[in-house]
């Protein structure tokens, strides 16, 4: 085991970081009760915190609680984040879709063949989380043409990378070794996966906030350029277009002579 990375410590730090961001999100929600996105982010944060705290205590808690419940809540948190993005894009939120991963994880975990195989559990966990990440990236890119916000590509790529990170355990658990050895020690590669996932979670949250900020700026700019009664371009737009035309004309004349 690589002692430079202690998995329980990484998970606790990640849980505390998520808890802080969740408290901030709760405060934002208290000031904007009509939001459809913030309660989903709060629920995702609480589920993620609980998951990390439970799984970081793997050596002291029953396996069903630390792995079955803990990791199931982790999958559920990613599903809730996906539905927060769906709400952000104006879609219909479905808690059922957000819960499918948790239901599948719980049902498979109870099977003896899965319960007794750390490799199978690791593979199933990776596929479920990666699937939610790819769905999130798809929904972000779906409205790229209708609403070309600069941070859309960043948000989509962040979720794609996070999905790829959770696909990595599928070959690694078979080629390198299981995430947890028989004596409970952690494989070094799994600690790096968890650390990378923690970093990508922060990036995906920041990217979503950037998208929200850019959307508000776009709406304010469009509102400032249109007459509220007729929805026609106002005088400021006409002046801006005139200045652009004059710049192009002067540039053409300068190049001509």
Protein backbone atom coordinates (compact mmCIF):
# COMPACT_ATOMS: atom_id res chain seq x y z
CA UNK A 1 0.00 0.00 0.00
CA UNK A 2 1.19 3.53 -0.80
CA UNK A 3 1.29 5.23 2.60
CA UNK A 4 1.52 8.69 1.04
CA UNK A 5 -2.23 8.50 0.42
CA UNK A 6 -4.43 7.38 3.30
CA UNK A 7 -7.86 6.62 1.86
CA UNK A 8 -9.97 7.22 5.02
CA UNK A 9 -8.30 10.62 5.47
CA UNK A 10 -9.01 11.55 1.84
CA UNK A 11 -12.64 10.55 2.28
CA UNK A 12 -13.06 12.53 5.51
CA UNK A 13 -11.49 15.63 3.99
CA UNK A 14 -13.70 15.22 0.94
CA UNK A 15 -16.77 14.80 3.16
CA UNK A 16 -15.94 17.93 5.17
CA UNK A 17 -15.35 19.95 1.98
CA UNK A 18 -18.67 18.76 0.59
CA UNK A 19 -20.36 19.58 3.89
CA UNK A 20 -19.09 23.15 3.77
CA UNK A 21 -20.34 23.64 0.21
CA UNK A 22 -23.66 22.07 1.22
CA UNK A 23 -24.07 24.51 4.12
CA UNK A 24 -23.45 27.39 1.69
CA UNK A 25 -26.01 25.90 -0.70
CA UNK A 26 -28.55 25.63 2.14
CA UNK A 27 -28.03 29.33 2.86
CA UNK A 28 -28.56 30.17 -0.82
CA UNK A 29 -31.70 28.04 -0.85
CA UNK A 30 -33.05 29.83 2.23
CA UNK A 31 -32.85 33.08 0.26
CA UNK A 32 -34.30 31.61 -2.92
CA UNK A 33 -37.06 29.20 -1.95
CA UNK A 34 -38.44 29.03 -5.48
CA UNK A 35 -35.30 27.42 -6.90
CA UNK A 36 -35.63 23.93 -8.38
CA UNK A 37 -31.88 23.38 -8.52
CA UNK A 38 -30.70 24.25 -5.00
CA UNK A 39 -32.73 21.62 -3.08
CA UNK A 40 -31.38 18.93 -5.38
CA UNK A 41 -27.82 20.14 -4.80
CA UNK A 42 -28.45 20.18 -1.04
CA UNK A 43 -29.77 16.61 -1.15
CA UNK A 44 -26.82 15.52 -3.30
CA UNK A 45 -24.37 17.15 -0.89
CA UNK A 46 -25.91 15.54 2.18
CA UNK A 47 -25.99 12.13 0.50
CA UNK A 48 -22.38 12.51 -0.62
CA UNK A 49 -21.21 13.57 2.87
CA UNK A 50 -22.96 10.62 4.49
CA UNK A 51 -21.52 8.25 1.92
CA UNK A 52 -17.95 9.42 2.51
CA UNK A 53 -18.26 9.34 6.30
CA UNK A 54 -19.71 5.81 6.23
CA UNK A 55 -17.18 4.39 3.79
CA UNK A 56 -14.23 6.04 5.54
CA UNK A 57 -15.20 3.92 8.59
CA UNK A 58 -15.08 0.69 6.59
CA UNK A 59 -12.76 -0.99 9.08
CA UNK A 60 -14.99 -0.27 12.07
CA UNK A 61 -18.53 -0.48 10.62
CA UNK A 62 -20.34 -3.56 9.26
CA UNK A 63 -19.72 -4.04 5.55
CA UNK A 64 -23.41 -3.66 4.74
CA UNK A 65 -23.43 -0.20 6.34
CA UNK A 66 -20.08 1.10 5.08
CA UNK A 67 -20.22 -0.41 1.59
CA UNK A 68 -23.83 -1.31 0.89
CA UNK A 69 -25.47 1.81 2.33
CA UNK A 70 -22.48 4.15 2.09
CA UNK A 71 -21.57 3.58 -1.53
CA UNK A 72 -25.25 3.36 -2.47
CA UNK A 73 -25.72 6.87 -1.12
CA UNK A 74 -22.69 7.94 -3.14
CA UNK A 75 -24.34 6.69 -6.34
CA UNK A 76 -27.58 8.42 -5.30
CA UNK A 77 -25.69 11.71 -4.80
CA UNK A 78 -24.38 11.59 -8.38
CA UNK A 79 -27.90 10.86 -9.63
CA UNK A 80 -29.26 13.86 -7.73
CA UNK A 81 -26.57 16.09 -9.22
CA UNK A 82 -27.60 14.87 -12.67
CA UNK A 83 -31.19 15.86 -11.96
CA UNK A 84 -30.00 19.27 -10.71
CA UNK A 85 -28.43 19.79 -14.13
CA UNK A 86 -31.69 18.62 -15.75
CA UNK A 87 -33.54 21.27 -13.71
CA UNK A 88 -30.94 23.88 -14.67
CA UNK A 89 -31.58 23.12 -18.34
CA UNK A 90 -35.34 23.47 -17.86
CA UNK A 91 -36.13 19.75 -17.98
CA UNK A 92 -38.48 17.71 -15.83
CA UNK A 93 -36.87 16.48 -12.64
CA UNK A 94 -37.27 12.77 -11.91
CA UNK A 95 -36.28 11.46 -8.50
CA UNK A 96 -36.99 7.98 -9.84
CA UNK A 97 -34.22 8.33 -12.42
CA UNK A 98 -31.91 9.73 -9.75
CA UNK A 99 -32.67 6.69 -7.55
CA UNK A 100 -32.23 3.98 -10.19
CA UNK A 101 -28.51 3.68 -9.50
CA UNK A 102 -29.14 3.28 -5.75
CA UNK A 103 -31.82 0.66 -6.40
CA UNK A 104 -29.60 -1.30 -8.80
CA UNK A 105 -26.63 -1.11 -6.42
CA UNK A 106 -28.69 -2.33 -3.45
CA UNK A 107 -30.30 -5.16 -5.41
CA UNK A 108 -26.99 -6.41 -6.81
CA UNK A 109 -25.09 -5.96 -3.55
CA UNK A 110 -27.47 -8.39 -1.82
CA UNK A 111 -26.60 -11.15 -4.30
CA UNK A 112 -24.06 -13.56 -2.81
CA UNK A 113 -21.89 -13.52 -5.94
CA UNK A 114 -21.58 -9.71 -5.69
CA UNK A 115 -21.36 -9.55 -1.91
CA UNK A 116 -18.42 -11.95 -1.90
CA UNK A 117 -16.49 -10.29 -4.76
CA UNK A 118 -14.80 -6.93 -4.25
CA UNK A 119 -13.94 -6.88 -7.97
CA UNK A 120 -17.60 -7.14 -8.97
CA UNK A 121 -18.66 -4.48 -6.48
CA UNK A 122 -15.94 -2.12 -7.70
CA UNK A 123 -16.95 -2.68 -11.33
CA UNK A 124 -20.66 -2.12 -10.64
CA UNK A 125 -19.94 1.02 -8.64
CA UNK A 126 -17.74 2.44 -11.38
CA UNK A 127 -20.28 1.73 -14.13
CA UNK A 128 -23.16 3.31 -12.20
CA UNK A 129 -21.31 6.50 -11.32
CA UNK A 130 -19.78 6.81 -14.78
CA UNK A 131 -23.22 6.38 -16.37
CA UNK A 132 -24.64 9.28 -14.35
CA UNK A 133 -21.63 11.45 -15.21
CA UNK A 134 -22.03 10.79 -18.93
CA UNK A 135 -25.76 11.56 -18.76
CA UNK A 136 -24.94 14.85 -17.04
CA UNK A 137 -22.44 15.78 -19.76
CA UNK A 138 -24.99 14.87 -22.45
CA UNK A 139 -27.65 17.14 -20.96
CA UNK A 140 -25.19 20.03 -20.65
CA UNK A 141 -24.16 19.73 -24.30
CA UNK A 142 -27.70 19.21 -25.55
CA UNK A 143 -28.50 22.94 -25.40
CA UNK A 144 -25.11 24.16 -26.56
CA UNK A 145 -26.54 25.56 -29.82
CA UNK A 146 -29.67 27.09 -28.29
CA UNK A 147 -27.73 28.66 -25.41
CA UNK A 148 -24.01 28.86 -26.28
CA UNK A 149 -22.59 29.71 -22.87
CA UNK A 150 -18.77 29.78 -22.74
CA UNK A 151 -18.54 27.40 -19.75
CA UNK A 152 -20.68 24.65 -21.25
CA UNK A 153 -17.68 22.88 -22.71
CA UNK A 154 -15.83 23.10 -19.37
CA UNK A 155 -18.80 21.66 -17.46
CA UNK A 156 -19.32 18.88 -19.99
CA UNK A 157 -15.64 17.92 -20.14
CA UNK A 158 -15.42 17.91 -16.33
CA UNK A 159 -18.28 15.42 -16.10
CA UNK A 160 -16.83 13.30 -18.92
CA UNK A 161 -13.47 13.16 -17.14
CA UNK A 162 -15.16 12.23 -13.88
CA UNK A 163 -17.01 9.44 -15.68
CA UNK A 164 -13.76 8.19 -17.22
CA UNK A 165 -12.12 8.22 -13.78
CA UNK A 166 -14.83 5.91 -12.44
CA UNK A 167 -14.50 3.60 -15.45
CA UNK A 168 -10.83 3.12 -14.62
CA UNK A 169 -11.53 0.72 -11.69
CA UNK A 170 -13.13 -1.75 -14.12
CA UNK A 171 -9.80 -2.81 -15.74
CA UNK A 172 -7.62 -1.89 -12.76
CA UNK A 173 -9.42 -4.19 -10.34
CA UNK A 174 -8.79 -7.11 -12.69
CA UNK A 175 -5.33 -6.28 -14.00
CA UNK A 176 -3.65 -4.66 -11.00
CA UNK A 177 -5.58 -5.93 -8.00
CA UNK A 178 -8.77 -5.40 -6.02
CA UNK A 179 -9.53 -2.04 -4.43
CA UNK A 180 -9.35 -3.69 -0.99
CA UNK A 181 -7.18 -6.66 -0.12
CA UNK A 182 -8.40 -9.53 2.04
CA UNK A 183 -6.83 -7.94 5.13
CA UNK A 184 -8.65 -4.64 4.50
CA UNK A 185 -5.69 -2.66 3.13
CA UNK A 186 -6.40 -0.28 0.27
CA UNK A 187 -4.86 -0.54 -3.17
CA UNK A 188 -2.87 2.59 -4.00
CA UNK A 189 -4.65 3.02 -7.33
CA UNK A 190 -8.05 3.19 -5.61
CA UNK A 191 -6.84 5.98 -3.31
CA UNK A 192 -5.80 7.95 -6.40
CA UNK A 193 -9.21 7.32 -7.98
CA UNK A 194 -10.99 8.69 -4.90
CA UNK A 195 -8.66 11.72 -4.77
CA UNK A 196 -9.18 12.48 -8.47
CA UNK A 197 -12.93 12.09 -8.01
CA UNK A 198 -12.87 14.61 -5.15
CA UNK A 199 -11.10 17.14 -7.35
CA UNK A 200 -13.53 16.60 -10.22
CA UNK A 201 -16.55 17.03 -7.93
CA UNK A 202 -15.28 20.49 -7.00
CA UNK A 203 -14.69 21.31 -10.67
CA UNK A 204 -18.17 20.17 -11.73
CA UNK A 205 -19.79 22.27 -8.99
CA UNK A 206 -17.76 25.34 -9.93
CA UNK A 207 -18.59 24.80 -13.60
CA UNK A 208 -22.31 24.68 -12.80
CA UNK A 209 -22.03 27.95 -10.85
CA UNK A 210 -20.18 29.49 -13.81
CA UNK A 211 -22.99 28.39 -16.13
CA UNK A 212 -25.60 29.96 -13.84
CA UNK A 213 -23.62 33.23 -13.69
CA UNK A 214 -23.19 33.34 -17.48
CA UNK A 215 -26.89 32.65 -18.00
CA UNK A 216 -27.85 35.55 -15.72
CA UNK A 217 -25.39 37.87 -17.50
CA UNK A 218 -26.81 36.85 -20.88
CA UNK A 219 -30.39 37.50 -19.73
CA UNK A 220 -29.47 40.90 -18.31
CA UNK A 221 -27.65 41.85 -21.49
CA UNK A 222 -30.56 40.79 -23.70
CA UNK A 223 -32.99 42.65 -21.45
CA UNK A 224 -30.89 45.81 -21.71
CA UNK A 225 -30.92 45.60 -25.52
CA UNK A 226 -34.68 45.16 -25.99
CA UNK A 227 -37.67 47.41 -25.48
CA UNK A 228 -39.87 45.81 -22.78
CA UNK A 229 -43.11 46.63 -24.65
CA UNK A 230 -42.28 45.86 -28.27
CA UNK A 231 -39.28 43.49 -27.77
CA UNK A 232 -37.55 45.42 -30.55
CA UNK A 233 -33.90 46.41 -30.41
CA UNK A 234 -33.46 49.73 -28.62
CA UNK A 235 -31.33 52.75 -29.51
CA UNK A 236 -28.24 51.36 -27.77
CA UNK A 237 -28.23 48.33 -30.05
CA UNK A 238 -28.56 50.60 -33.10
CA UNK A 239 -25.61 52.70 -31.92
CA UNK A 240 -23.46 49.63 -31.27
CA UNK A 241 -24.23 48.23 -34.72
CA UNK A 242 -23.46 51.61 -36.29
CA UNK A 243 -20.10 51.80 -34.53
CA UNK A 244 -19.24 48.28 -35.65
CA UNK A 245 -20.17 49.16 -39.22
CA UNK A 246 -18.02 52.31 -39.11
CA UNK A 247 -15.07 50.35 -37.76
CA UNK A 248 -15.38 47.82 -40.57
CA UNK A 249 -15.70 50.62 -43.14
CA UNK A 250 -12.64 52.50 -41.86
CA UNK A 251 -10.63 49.28 -41.80
CA UNK A 252 -11.65 48.52 -45.39
CA UNK A 253 -10.75 52.02 -46.57
CA UNK A 254 -7.41 51.92 -44.77
CA UNK A 255 -6.50 48.60 -46.39
CA UNK A 256 -7.69 49.83 -49.77
CA UNK A 257 -5.46 52.91 -49.78
